[in-house]
Amino acid sequence: MLRLARRDLKAAVSMIDPELFEEASWGFHVQQATEKALKAWISALDKDYPRTHDLALLMRLVMDFGGDPSSYEALTNFSPFGARWRYEDDLESLNLIRQEWNQLCTDLVERVAELIP
């Protein structure tokens, strides 16, 4: 899952220009990278994760299993990109600062990488 998270993160980072990539497409990749990183974290804690796009649920599971994802909690705002918003063609831009969100997601992926031998 961590390799897949890195793949989605790489896509998100390459979509930094809002003139070239719509926010919905970029946000989907941030959501996917976050989801897969959290699932990798749960796996690193030797637990099973559910099939879900709900980032808040995955964060709670990491906490329940002994991890501390609180530094990355703001990424839960990306859940709608993975479920509802990816199917809407008239999504109004939220004008998110992509560099900041990409960095937070990068920090999460790097944190999870530290847990995996």
PDB file of N, CA and C in Angstrom:
ATOM      1  N   MET A   1       0.818  -1.198   0.000  1.00  0.00           N
ATOM      2  CA  MET A   1       0.000   0.000   0.000  1.00  0.00           C
ATOM      3  C   MET A   1       0.863   1.264   0.000  1.00  0.00           C
ATOM      4  N   LEU A   2       2.008   1.201   0.660  1.00  0.00           N
ATOM      5  CA  LEU A   2       2.856   2.387   0.705  1.00  0.00           C
ATOM      6  C   LEU A   2       3.377   2.744  -0.689  1.00  0.00           C
ATOM      7  N   ARG A   3       3.745   1.751  -1.465  1.00  0.00           N
ATOM      8  CA  ARG A   3       4.190   2.028  -2.847  1.00  0.00           C
ATOM      9  C   ARG A   3       3.072   2.671  -3.656  1.00  0.00           C
ATOM     10  N   LEU A   4       1.844   2.202  -3.456  1.00  0.00           N
ATOM     11  CA  LEU A   4       0.705   2.791  -4.154  1.00  0.00           C
ATOM     12  C   LEU A   4       0.436   4.214  -3.667  1.00  0.00           C
ATOM     13  N   ALA A   5       0.611   4.448  -2.384  1.00  0.00           N
ATOM     14  CA  ALA A   5       0.453   5.803  -1.844  1.00  0.00           C
ATOM     15  C   ALA A   5       1.469   6.740  -2.485  1.00  0.00           C
ATOM     16  N   ARG A   6       2.691   6.266  -2.618  1.00  0.00           N
ATOM     17  CA  ARG A   6       3.731   7.094  -3.250  1.00  0.00           C
ATOM     18  C   ARG A   6       3.394   7.394  -4.706  1.00  0.00           C
ATOM     19  N   ARG A   7       2.811   6.441  -5.395  1.00  0.00           N
ATOM     20  CA  ARG A   7       2.418   6.650  -6.791  1.00  0.00           C
ATOM     21  C   ARG A   7       1.360   7.747  -6.889  1.00  0.00           C
ATOM     22  N   ASP A   8       0.347   7.682  -6.022  1.00  0.00           N
ATOM     23  CA  ASP A   8      -0.695   8.709  -6.044  1.00  0.00           C
ATOM     24  C   ASP A   8      -0.149  10.067  -5.607  1.00  0.00           C
ATOM     25  N   LEU A   9       0.753  10.068  -4.640  1.00  0.00           N
ATOM     26  CA  LEU A   9       1.362  11.312  -4.198  1.00  0.00           C
ATOM     27  C   LEU A   9       2.177  11.932  -5.331  1.00  0.00           C
ATOM     28  N   LYS A  10       2.902  11.125  -6.049  1.00  0.00           N
ATOM     29  CA  LYS A  10       3.688  11.615  -7.187  1.00  0.00           C
ATOM     30  C   LYS A  10       2.772  12.285  -8.214  1.00  0.00           C
ATOM     31  N   ALA A  11       1.611  11.691  -8.452  1.00  0.00           N
ATOM     32  CA  ALA A  11       0.646  12.292  -9.378  1.00  0.00           C
ATOM     33  C   ALA A  11       0.158  13.633  -8.833  1.00  0.00           C
ATOM     34  N   ALA A  12      -0.192  13.679  -7.544  1.00  0.00           N
ATOM     35  CA  ALA A  12      -0.684  14.921  -6.942  1.00  0.00           C
ATOM     36  C   ALA A  12       0.362  16.028  -7.027  1.00  0.00           C
ATOM     37  N   VAL A  13       1.597  15.694  -6.725  1.00  0.00           N
ATOM     38  CA  VAL A  13       2.676  16.684  -6.764  1.00  0.00           C
ATOM     39  C   VAL A  13       2.867  17.212  -8.185  1.00  0.00           C
ATOM     40  N   SER A  14       2.688  16.356  -9.167  1.00  0.00           N
ATOM     41  CA  SER A  14       2.863  16.795 -10.557  1.00  0.00           C
ATOM     42  C   SER A  14       1.679  17.631 -11.051  1.00  0.00           C
ATOM     43  N   MET A  15       0.591  17.657 -10.288  1.00  0.00           N
ATOM     44  CA  MET A  15      -0.614  18.407 -10.677  1.00  0.00           C
ATOM     45  C   MET A  15      -0.692  19.750  -9.964  1.00  0.00           C
ATOM     46  N   ILE A  16       0.423  20.374  -9.695  1.00  0.00           N
ATOM     47  CA  ILE A  16       0.485  21.584  -8.904  1.00  0.00           C
ATOM     48  C   ILE A  16      -0.147  22.791  -9.609  1.00  0.00           C
ATOM     49  N   ASP A  17      -0.147  22.797 -10.921  1.00  0.00           N
ATOM     50  CA  ASP A  17      -0.635  23.947 -11.693  1.00  0.00           C
ATOM     51  C   ASP A  17      -2.153  23.861 -11.906  1.00  0.00           C
ATOM     52  N   PRO A  18      -2.925  24.757 -11.275  1.00  0.00           N
ATOM     53  CA  PRO A  18      -4.388  24.707 -11.415  1.00  0.00           C
ATOM     54  C   PRO A  18      -4.879  25.046 -12.817  1.00  0.00           C
ATOM     55  N   GLU A  19      -4.025  25.654 -13.622  1.00  0.00           N
ATOM     56  CA  GLU A  19      -4.402  25.938 -15.009  1.00  0.00           C
ATOM     57  C   GLU A  19      -4.370  24.667 -15.860  1.00  0.00           C
ATOM     58  N   LEU A  20      -3.563  23.711 -15.450  1.00  0.00           N
ATOM     59  CA  LEU A  20      -3.428  22.458 -16.198  1.00  0.00           C
ATOM     60  C   LEU A  20      -4.281  21.333 -15.637  1.00  0.00           C
ATOM     61  N   PHE A  21      -4.474  21.335 -14.311  1.00  0.00           N
ATOM     62  CA  PHE A  21      -5.193  20.238 -13.661  1.00  0.00           C
ATOM     63  C   PHE A  21      -6.287  20.792 -12.757  1.00  0.00           C
ATOM     64  N   GLU A  22      -7.478  20.318 -12.947  1.00  0.00           N
ATOM     65  CA  GLU A  22      -8.588  20.754 -12.108  1.00  0.00           C
ATOM     66  C   GLU A  22      -8.371  20.264 -10.675  1.00  0.00           C
ATOM     67  N   GLU A  23      -8.926  21.038  -9.762  1.00  0.00           N
ATOM     68  CA  GLU A  23      -8.763  20.724  -8.346  1.00  0.00           C
ATOM     69  C   GLU A  23      -9.318  19.346  -7.997  1.00  0.00           C
ATOM     70  N   ALA A  24     -10.408  18.964  -8.644  1.00  0.00           N
ATOM     71  CA  ALA A  24     -11.017  17.659  -8.355  1.00  0.00           C
ATOM     72  C   ALA A  24     -10.063  16.515  -8.694  1.00  0.00           C
ATOM     73  N   SER A  25      -9.336  16.642  -9.787  1.00  0.00           N
ATOM     74  CA  SER A  25      -8.380  15.588 -10.177  1.00  0.00           C
ATOM     75  C   SER A  25      -7.207  15.540  -9.217  1.00  0.00           C
ATOM     76  N   TRP A  26      -6.665  16.709  -8.903  1.00  0.00           N
ATOM     77  CA  TRP A  26      -5.559  16.766  -7.946  1.00  0.00           C
ATOM     78  C   TRP A  26      -6.006  16.253  -6.569  1.00  0.00           C
ATOM     79  N   GLY A  27      -7.163  16.725  -6.096  1.00  0.00           N
ATOM     80  CA  GLY A  27      -7.657  16.330  -4.781  1.00  0.00           C
ATOM     81  C   GLY A  27      -7.897  14.836  -4.668  1.00  0.00           C
ATOM     82  N   PHE A  28      -8.331  14.230  -5.765  1.00  0.00           N
ATOM     83  CA  PHE A  28      -8.536  12.778  -5.775  1.00  0.00           C
ATOM     84  C   PHE A  28      -7.222  12.059  -5.484  1.00  0.00           C
ATOM     85  N   HIS A  29      -6.137  12.525  -6.080  1.00  0.00           N
ATOM     86  CA  HIS A  29      -4.852  11.850  -5.860  1.00  0.00           C
ATOM     87  C   HIS A  29      -4.315  12.092  -4.447  1.00  0.00           C
ATOM     88  N   VAL A  30      -4.571  13.263  -3.887  1.00  0.00           N
ATOM     89  CA  VAL A  30      -4.196  13.495  -2.487  1.00  0.00           C
ATOM     90  C   VAL A  30      -4.999  12.559  -1.585  1.00  0.00           C
ATOM     91  N   GLN A  31      -6.290  12.460  -1.862  1.00  0.00           N
ATOM     92  CA  GLN A  31      -7.142  11.563  -1.065  1.00  0.00           C
ATOM     93  C   GLN A  31      -6.650  10.126  -1.176  1.00  0.00           C
ATOM     94  N   GLN A  32      -6.347   9.686  -2.378  1.00  0.00           N
ATOM     95  CA  GLN A  32      -5.909   8.310  -2.580  1.00  0.00           C
ATOM     96  C   GLN A  32      -4.569   8.045  -1.892  1.00  0.00           C
ATOM     97  N   ALA A  33      -3.639   8.983  -1.997  1.00  0.00           N
ATOM     98  CA  ALA A  33      -2.345   8.812  -1.335  1.00  0.00           C
ATOM     99  C   ALA A  33      -2.517   8.738   0.178  1.00  0.00           C
ATOM    100  N   THR A  34      -3.390   9.599   0.715  1.00  0.00           N
ATOM    101  CA  THR A  34      -3.649   9.592   2.152  1.00  0.00           C
ATOM    102  C   THR A  34      -4.300   8.283   2.576  1.00  0.00           C
ATOM    103  N   GLU A  35      -5.306   7.859   1.839  1.00  0.00           N
ATOM    104  CA  GLU A  35      -6.004   6.607   2.159  1.00  0.00           C
ATOM    105  C   GLU A  35      -5.041   5.428   2.178  1.00  0.00           C
ATOM    106  N   LYS A  36      -4.218   5.322   1.167  1.00  0.00           N
ATOM    107  CA  LYS A  36      -3.304   4.183   1.074  1.00  0.00           C
ATOM    108  C   LYS A  36      -2.208   4.259   2.125  1.00  0.00           C
ATOM    109  N   ALA A  37      -1.760   5.472   2.447  1.00  0.00           N
ATOM    110  CA  ALA A  37      -0.758   5.620   3.502  1.00  0.00           C
ATOM    111  C   ALA A  37      -1.335   5.195   4.855  1.00  0.00           C
ATOM    112  N   LEU A  38      -2.572   5.588   5.127  1.00  0.00           N
ATOM    113  CA  LEU A  38      -3.199   5.180   6.393  1.00  0.00           C
ATOM    114  C   LEU A  38      -3.421   3.675   6.443  1.00  0.00           C
ATOM    115  N   LYS A  39      -3.785   3.087   5.335  1.00  0.00           N
ATOM    116  CA  LYS A  39      -3.955   1.630   5.297  1.00  0.00           C
ATOM    117  C   LYS A  39      -2.614   0.931   5.489  1.00  0.00           C
ATOM    118  N   ALA A  40      -1.550   1.509   4.929  1.00  0.00           N
ATOM    119  CA  ALA A  40      -0.211   0.944   5.149  1.00  0.00           C
ATOM    120  C   ALA A  40       0.179   1.069   6.618  1.00  0.00           C
ATOM    121  N   TRP A  41      -0.206   2.158   7.257  1.00  0.00           N
ATOM    122  CA  TRP A  41       0.084   2.361   8.685  1.00  0.00           C
ATOM    123  C   TRP A  41      -0.638   1.300   9.505  1.00  0.00           C
ATOM    124  N   ILE A  42      -1.898   1.075   9.189  1.00  0.00           N
ATOM    125  CA  ILE A  42      -2.662   0.040   9.902  1.00  0.00           C
ATOM    126  C   ILE A  42      -2.013  -1.328   9.718  1.00  0.00           C
ATOM    127  N   SER A  43      -1.586  -1.616   8.507  1.00  0.00           N
ATOM    128  CA  SER A  43      -0.896  -2.889   8.237  1.00  0.00           C
ATOM    129  C   SER A  43       0.404  -2.978   9.033  1.00  0.00           C
ATOM    130  N   ALA A  44       1.140  -1.857   9.133  1.00  0.00           N
ATOM    131  CA  ALA A  44       2.390  -1.840   9.894  1.00  0.00           C
ATOM    132  C   ALA A  44       2.142  -2.112  11.373  1.00  0.00           C
ATOM    133  N   LEU A  45       0.931  -1.799  11.833  1.00  0.00           N
ATOM    134  CA  LEU A  45       0.552  -2.087  13.216  1.00  0.00           C
ATOM    135  C   LEU A  45       0.000  -3.506  13.356  1.00  0.00           C
ATOM    136  N   ASP A  46       0.129  -4.283  12.279  1.00  0.00           N
ATOM    137  CA  ASP A  46      -0.294  -5.686  12.235  1.00  0.00           C
ATOM    138  C   ASP A  46      -1.800  -5.848  12.442  1.00  0.00           C
ATOM    139  N   LYS A  47      -2.560  -4.935  11.847  1.00  0.00           N
ATOM    140  CA  LYS A  47      -4.019  -4.980  11.918  1.00  0.00           C
ATOM    141  C   LYS A  47      -4.589  -4.952  10.505  1.00  0.00           C
ATOM    142  N   ASP A  48      -5.844  -5.306  10.399  1.00  0.00           N
ATOM    143  CA  ASP A  48      -6.538  -5.266   9.113  1.00  0.00           C
ATOM    144  C   ASP A  48      -7.304  -3.959   8.983  1.00  0.00           C
ATOM    145  N   TYR A  49      -7.402  -3.478   7.762  1.00  0.00           N
ATOM    146  CA  TYR A  49      -8.150  -2.246   7.505  1.00  0.00           C
ATOM    147  C   TYR A  49      -9.376  -2.573   6.644  1.00  0.00           C
ATOM    148  N   PRO A  50     -10.422  -1.758   6.779  1.00  0.00           N
ATOM    149  CA  PRO A  50     -11.636  -1.986   5.982  1.00  0.00           C
ATOM    150  C   PRO A  50     -11.493  -1.391   4.586  1.00  0.00           C
ATOM    151  N   ARG A  51     -12.357  -1.831   3.703  1.00  0.00           N
ATOM    152  CA  ARG A  51     -12.453  -1.221   2.375  1.00  0.00           C
ATOM    153  C   ARG A  51     -13.297   0.038   2.526  1.00  0.00           C
ATOM    154  N   THR A  52     -12.627   1.174   2.531  1.00  0.00           N
ATOM    155  CA  THR A  52     -13.320   2.447   2.732  1.00  0.00           C
ATOM    156  C   THR A  52     -12.492   3.572   2.137  1.00  0.00           C
ATOM    157  N   HIS A  53     -13.172   4.665   1.800  1.00  0.00           N
ATOM    158  CA  HIS A  53     -12.505   5.903   1.380  1.00  0.00           C
ATOM    159  C   HIS A  53     -12.547   6.934   2.500  1.00  0.00           C
ATOM    160  N   ASP A  54     -13.117   6.567   3.640  1.00  0.00           N
ATOM    161  CA  ASP A  54     -13.323   7.483   4.755  1.00  0.00           C
ATOM    162  C   ASP A  54     -12.020   7.676   5.533  1.00  0.00           C
ATOM    163  N   LEU A  55     -11.389   8.810   5.296  1.00  0.00           N
ATOM    164  CA  LEU A  55     -10.094   9.068   5.925  1.00  0.00           C
ATOM    165  C   LEU A  55     -10.205   9.255   7.429  1.00  0.00           C
ATOM    166  N   ALA A  56     -11.306   9.833   7.899  1.00  0.00           N
ATOM    167  CA  ALA A  56     -11.494   9.992   9.347  1.00  0.00           C
ATOM    168  C   ALA A  56     -11.587   8.634  10.032  1.00  0.00           C
ATOM    169  N   LEU A  57     -12.283   7.700   9.412  1.00  0.00           N
ATOM    170  CA  LEU A  57     -12.374   6.347   9.964  1.00  0.00           C
ATOM    171  C   LEU A  57     -11.001   5.700  10.024  1.00  0.00           C
ATOM    172  N   LEU A  58     -10.238   5.816   8.960  1.00  0.00           N
ATOM    173  CA  LEU A  58      -8.896   5.219   8.932  1.00  0.00           C
ATOM    174  C   LEU A  58      -7.994   5.861   9.986  1.00  0.00           C
ATOM    175  N   MET A  59      -8.106   7.171  10.161  1.00  0.00           N
ATOM    176  CA  MET A  59      -7.322   7.848  11.212  1.00  0.00           C
ATOM    177  C   MET A  59      -7.703   7.322  12.595  1.00  0.00           C
ATOM    178  N   ARG A  60      -9.009   7.173  12.827  1.00  0.00           N
ATOM    179  CA  ARG A  60      -9.464   6.646  14.131  1.00  0.00           C
ATOM    180  C   ARG A  60      -8.921   5.238  14.354  1.00  0.00           C
ATOM    181  N   LEU A  61      -8.910   4.426  13.311  1.00  0.00           N
ATOM    182  CA  LEU A  61      -8.381   3.067  13.449  1.00  0.00           C
ATOM    183  C   LEU A  61      -6.898   3.086  13.782  1.00  0.00           C
ATOM    184  N   VAL A  62      -6.135   3.953  13.123  1.00  0.00           N
ATOM    185  CA  VAL A  62      -4.710   4.071  13.451  1.00  0.00           C
ATOM    186  C   VAL A  62      -4.564   4.413  14.929  1.00  0.00           C
ATOM    187  N   MET A  63      -5.359   5.364  15.396  1.00  0.00           N
ATOM    188  CA  MET A  63      -5.304   5.741  16.819  1.00  0.00           C
ATOM    189  C   MET A  63      -5.706   4.575  17.721  1.00  0.00           C
ATOM    190  N   ASP A  64      -6.809   3.898  17.366  1.00  0.00           N
ATOM    191  CA  ASP A  64      -7.273   2.765  18.165  1.00  0.00           C
ATOM    192  C   ASP A  64      -6.222   1.663  18.251  1.00  0.00           C
ATOM    193  N   PHE A  65      -5.417   1.536  17.200  1.00  0.00           N
ATOM    194  CA  PHE A  65      -4.416   0.475  17.151  1.00  0.00           C
ATOM    195  C   PHE A  65      -3.062   0.925  17.711  1.00  0.00           C
ATOM    196  N   GLY A  66      -3.004   2.146  18.261  1.00  0.00           N
ATOM    197  CA  GLY A  66      -1.791   2.586  18.946  1.00  0.00           C
ATOM    198  C   GLY A  66      -0.942   3.602  18.214  1.00  0.00           C
ATOM    199  N   GLY A  67      -1.355   4.044  17.045  1.00  0.00           N
ATOM    200  CA  GLY A  67      -0.603   5.055  16.314  1.00  0.00           C
ATOM    201  C   GLY A  67      -1.090   6.455  16.660  1.00  0.00           C
ATOM    202  N   ASP A  68      -0.339   7.448  16.237  1.00  0.00           N
ATOM    203  CA  ASP A  68      -0.742   8.836  16.481  1.00  0.00           C
ATOM    204  C   ASP A  68      -0.702   9.620  15.167  1.00  0.00           C
ATOM    205  N   PRO A  69      -1.827   9.632  14.439  1.00  0.00           N
ATOM    206  CA  PRO A  69      -1.885  10.354  13.175  1.00  0.00           C
ATOM    207  C   PRO A  69      -2.365  11.800  13.316  1.00  0.00           C
ATOM    208  N   SER A  70      -2.393  12.335  14.532  1.00  0.00           N
ATOM    209  CA  SER A  70      -3.014  13.645  14.769  1.00  0.00           C
ATOM    210  C   SER A  70      -2.384  14.766  13.943  1.00  0.00           C
ATOM    211  N   SER A  71      -1.109  14.662  13.623  1.00  0.00           N
ATOM    212  CA  SER A  71      -0.451  15.696  12.827  1.00  0.00           C
ATOM    213  C   SER A  71      -1.008  15.788  11.411  1.00  0.00           C
ATOM    214  N   TYR A  72      -1.698  14.752  10.984  1.00  0.00           N
ATOM    215  CA  TYR A  72      -2.179  14.674   9.603  1.00  0.00           C
ATOM    216  C   TYR A  72      -3.701  14.730   9.519  1.00  0.00           C
ATOM    217  N   GLU A  73      -4.340  15.041  10.635  1.00  0.00           N
ATOM    218  CA  GLU A  73      -5.797  14.998  10.719  1.00  0.00           C
ATOM    219  C   GLU A  73      -6.488  15.902   9.690  1.00  0.00           C
ATOM    220  N   ALA A  74      -5.867  17.013   9.328  1.00  0.00           N
ATOM    221  CA  ALA A  74      -6.471  17.923   8.357  1.00  0.00           C
ATOM    222  C   ALA A  74      -6.715  17.249   7.008  1.00  0.00           C
ATOM    223  N   LEU A  75      -5.947  16.214   6.712  1.00  0.00           N
ATOM    224  CA  LEU A  75      -6.125  15.496   5.441  1.00  0.00           C
ATOM    225  C   LEU A  75      -7.474  14.788   5.355  1.00  0.00           C
ATOM    226  N   THR A  76      -8.166  14.631   6.486  1.00  0.00           N
ATOM    227  CA  THR A  76      -9.489  14.003   6.441  1.00  0.00           C
ATOM    228  C   THR A  76     -10.464  14.830   5.601  1.00  0.00           C
ATOM    229  N   ASN A  77     -10.158  16.104   5.411  1.00  0.00           N
ATOM    230  CA  ASN A  77     -10.993  16.964   4.571  1.00  0.00           C
ATOM    231  C   ASN A  77     -11.027  16.503   3.115  1.00  0.00           C
ATOM    232  N   PHE A  78     -10.135  15.613   2.739  1.00  0.00           N
ATOM    233  CA  PHE A  78     -10.077  15.139   1.361  1.00  0.00           C
ATOM    234  C   PHE A  78     -10.972  13.921   1.106  1.00  0.00           C
ATOM    235  N   SER A  79     -11.623  13.401   2.129  1.00  0.00           N
ATOM    236  CA  SER A  79     -12.513  12.243   1.927  1.00  0.00           C
ATOM    237  C   SER A  79     -13.510  12.440   0.795  1.00  0.00           C
ATOM    238  N   PRO A  80     -14.160  13.602   0.696  1.00  0.00           N
ATOM    239  CA  PRO A  80     -15.144  13.762  -0.396  1.00  0.00           C
ATOM    240  C   PRO A  80     -14.540  13.633  -1.794  1.00  0.00           C
ATOM    241  N   PHE A  81     -13.254  13.928  -1.949  1.00  0.00           N
ATOM    242  CA  PHE A  81     -12.615  13.778  -3.256  1.00  0.00           C
ATOM    243  C   PHE A  81     -12.584  12.314  -3.693  1.00  0.00           C
ATOM    244  N   GLY A  82     -12.533  11.395  -2.744  1.00  0.00           N
ATOM    245  CA  GLY A  82     -12.448   9.980  -3.060  1.00  0.00           C
ATOM    246  C   GLY A  82     -13.787   9.297  -3.204  1.00  0.00           C
ATOM    247  N   ALA A  83     -14.837   9.961  -2.772  1.00  0.00           N
ATOM    248  CA  ALA A  83     -16.159   9.327  -2.798  1.00  0.00           C
ATOM    249  C   ALA A  83     -17.119  10.114  -3.682  1.00  0.00           C
ATOM    250  N   ARG A  84     -17.586  11.240  -3.198  1.00  0.00           N
ATOM    251  CA  ARG A  84     -18.627  11.986  -3.923  1.00  0.00           C
ATOM    252  C   ARG A  84     -18.084  12.846  -5.048  1.00  0.00           C
ATOM    253  N   TRP A  85     -17.078  13.668  -4.736  1.00  0.00           N
ATOM    254  CA  TRP A  85     -16.675  14.716  -5.674  1.00  0.00           C
ATOM    255  C   TRP A  85     -16.037  14.192  -6.941  1.00  0.00           C
ATOM    256  N   ARG A  86     -15.498  13.009  -6.926  1.00  0.00           N
ATOM    257  CA  ARG A  86     -14.855  12.526  -8.148  1.00  0.00           C
ATOM    258  C   ARG A  86     -15.870  12.222  -9.246  1.00  0.00           C
ATOM    259  N   TYR A  87     -17.141  12.183  -8.897  1.00  0.00           N
ATOM    260  CA  TYR A  87     -18.186  11.908  -9.883  1.00  0.00           C
ATOM    261  C   TYR A  87     -18.952  13.157 -10.303  1.00  0.00           C
ATOM    262  N   GLU A  88     -18.587  14.309  -9.780  1.00  0.00           N
ATOM    263  CA  GLU A  88     -19.270  15.551 -10.124  1.00  0.00           C
ATOM    264  C   GLU A  88     -18.454  16.293 -11.175  1.00  0.00           C
ATOM    265  N   ASP A  89     -19.131  16.754 -12.227  1.00  0.00           N
ATOM    266  CA  ASP A  89     -18.392  17.455 -13.278  1.00  0.00           C
ATOM    267  C   ASP A  89     -18.468  18.970 -13.143  1.00  0.00           C
ATOM    268  N   ASP A  90     -19.222  19.472 -12.183  1.00  0.00           N
ATOM    269  CA  ASP A  90     -19.327  20.918 -12.001  1.00  0.00           C
ATOM    270  C   ASP A  90     -18.877  21.348 -10.615  1.00  0.00           C
ATOM    271  N   LEU A  91     -17.890  20.642 -10.078  1.00  0.00           N
ATOM    272  CA  LEU A  91     -17.387  20.931  -8.737  1.00  0.00           C
ATOM    273  C   LEU A  91     -16.732  22.306  -8.713  1.00  0.00           C
ATOM    274  N   GLU A  92     -17.206  23.140  -7.812  1.00  0.00           N
ATOM    275  CA  GLU A  92     -16.636  24.474  -7.662  1.00  0.00           C
ATOM    276  C   GLU A  92     -15.306  24.366  -6.923  1.00  0.00           C
ATOM    277  N   SER A  93     -14.316  25.114  -7.400  1.00  0.00           N
ATOM    278  CA  SER A  93     -12.992  25.077  -6.798  1.00  0.00           C
ATOM    279  C   SER A  93     -13.023  25.576  -5.360  1.00  0.00           C
ATOM    280  N   LEU A  94     -12.252  24.924  -4.511  1.00  0.00           N
ATOM    281  CA  LEU A  94     -12.089  25.344  -3.119  1.00  0.00           C
ATOM    282  C   LEU A  94     -10.856  26.233  -2.961  1.00  0.00           C
ATOM    283  N   ASN A  95     -10.106  26.385  -4.062  1.00  0.00           N
ATOM    284  CA  ASN A  95      -8.881  27.203  -4.083  1.00  0.00           C
ATOM    285  C   ASN A  95      -7.893  26.780  -3.001  1.00  0.00           C
ATOM    286  N   LEU A  96      -7.699  25.491  -2.902  1.00  0.00           N
ATOM    287  CA  LEU A  96      -6.771  24.944  -1.913  1.00  0.00           C
ATOM    288  C   LEU A  96      -5.335  25.238  -2.329  1.00  0.00           C
ATOM    289  N   ILE A  97      -4.476  25.465  -1.363  1.00  0.00           N
ATOM    290  CA  ILE A  97      -3.061  25.722  -1.639  1.00  0.00           C
ATOM    291  C   ILE A  97      -2.377  24.368  -1.800  1.00  0.00           C
ATOM    292  N   ARG A  98      -2.204  23.992  -3.031  1.00  0.00           N
ATOM    293  CA  ARG A  98      -1.752  22.631  -3.343  1.00  0.00           C
ATOM    294  C   ARG A  98      -0.404  22.285  -2.735  1.00  0.00           C
ATOM    295  N   GLN A  99       0.539  23.220  -2.752  1.00  0.00           N
ATOM    296  CA  GLN A  99       1.864  22.924  -2.208  1.00  0.00           C
ATOM    297  C   GLN A  99       1.772  22.524  -0.739  1.00  0.00           C
ATOM    298  N   GLU A 100       0.933  23.212   0.033  1.00  0.00           N
ATOM    299  CA  GLU A 100       0.819  22.908   1.460  1.00  0.00           C
ATOM    300  C   GLU A 100       0.193  21.540   1.697  1.00  0.00           C
ATOM    301  N   TRP A 101      -0.852  21.232   0.946  1.00  0.00           N
ATOM    302  CA  TRP A 101      -1.513  19.929   1.120  1.00  0.00           C
ATOM    303  C   TRP A 101      -0.620  18.806   0.625  1.00  0.00           C
ATOM    304  N   ASN A 102       0.080  19.033  -0.483  1.00  0.00           N
ATOM    305  CA  ASN A 102       1.018  18.020  -0.972  1.00  0.00           C
ATOM    306  C   ASN A 102       2.094  17.739   0.065  1.00  0.00           C
ATOM    307  N   GLN A 103       2.569  18.794   0.740  1.00  0.00           N
ATOM    308  CA  GLN A 103       3.606  18.609   1.748  1.00  0.00           C
ATOM    309  C   GLN A 103       3.086  17.822   2.941  1.00  0.00           C
ATOM    310  N   LEU A 104       1.866  18.132   3.387  1.00  0.00           N
ATOM    311  CA  LEU A 104       1.302  17.394   4.515  1.00  0.00           C
ATOM    312  C   LEU A 104       1.135  15.923   4.169  1.00  0.00           C
ATOM    313  N   CYS A 105       0.688  15.656   2.957  1.00  0.00           N
ATOM    314  CA  CYS A 105       0.537  14.265   2.516  1.00  0.00           C
ATOM    315  C   CYS A 105       1.907  13.592   2.403  1.00  0.00           C
ATOM    316  N   THR A 106       2.891  14.318   1.906  1.00  0.00           N
ATOM    317  CA  THR A 106       4.265  13.797   1.836  1.00  0.00           C
ATOM    318  C   THR A 106       4.776  13.452   3.224  1.00  0.00           C
ATOM    319  N   ASP A 107       4.502  14.330   4.180  1.00  0.00           N
ATOM    320  CA  ASP A 107       4.932  14.075   5.568  1.00  0.00           C
ATOM    321  C   ASP A 107       4.295  12.794   6.106  1.00  0.00           C
ATOM    322  N   LEU A 108       3.016  12.592   5.797  1.00  0.00           N
ATOM    323  CA  LEU A 108       2.332  11.366   6.232  1.00  0.00           C
ATOM    324  C   LEU A 108       2.988  10.142   5.608  1.00  0.00           C
ATOM    325  N   VAL A 109       3.201  10.176   4.314  1.00  0.00           N
ATOM    326  CA  VAL A 109       3.803   9.031   3.623  1.00  0.00           C
ATOM    327  C   VAL A 109       5.192   8.739   4.200  1.00  0.00           C
ATOM    328  N   GLU A 110       5.971   9.776   4.453  1.00  0.00           N
ATOM    329  CA  GLU A 110       7.303   9.579   5.034  1.00  0.00           C
ATOM    330  C   GLU A 110       7.221   9.005   6.448  1.00  0.00           C
ATOM    331  N   ARG A 111       6.242   9.459   7.215  1.00  0.00           N
ATOM    332  CA  ARG A 111       6.060   8.914   8.583  1.00  0.00           C
ATOM    333  C   ARG A 111       5.757   7.431   8.529  1.00  0.00           C
ATOM    334  N   VAL A 112       4.873   7.043   7.630  1.00  0.00           N
ATOM    335  CA  VAL A 112       4.516   5.621   7.499  1.00  0.00           C
ATOM    336  C   VAL A 112       5.734   4.826   7.024  1.00  0.00           C
ATOM    337  N   ALA A 113       6.516   5.382   6.135  1.00  0.00           N
ATOM    338  CA  ALA A 113       7.709   4.685   5.638  1.00  0.00           C
ATOM    339  C   ALA A 113       8.671   4.363   6.776  1.00  0.00           C
ATOM    340  N   GLU A 114       8.733   5.233   7.782  1.00  0.00           N
ATOM    341  CA  GLU A 114       9.600   4.985   8.939  1.00  0.00           C
ATOM    342  C   GLU A 114       9.155   3.763   9.738  1.00  0.00           C
ATOM    343  N   LEU A 115       7.884   3.385   9.636  1.00  0.00           N
ATOM    344  CA  LEU A 115       7.339   2.276  10.401  1.00  0.00           C
ATOM    345  C   LEU A 115       7.541   0.918   9.720  1.00  0.00           C
ATOM    346  N   ILE A 116       7.890   0.970   8.446  1.00  0.00           N
ATOM    347  CA  ILE A 116       7.995  -0.261   7.675  1.00  0.00           C
ATOM    348  C   ILE A 116       9.460  -0.591   7.441  1.00  0.00           C
ATOM    349  N   PRO A 117       9.888  -1.766   7.881  1.00  0.00           N
ATOM    350  CA  PRO A 117      11.312  -2.142   7.723  1.00  0.00           C
ATOM    351  C   PRO A 117      11.702  -2.330   6.270  1.00  0.00           C
TER     352      PRO A 117
END
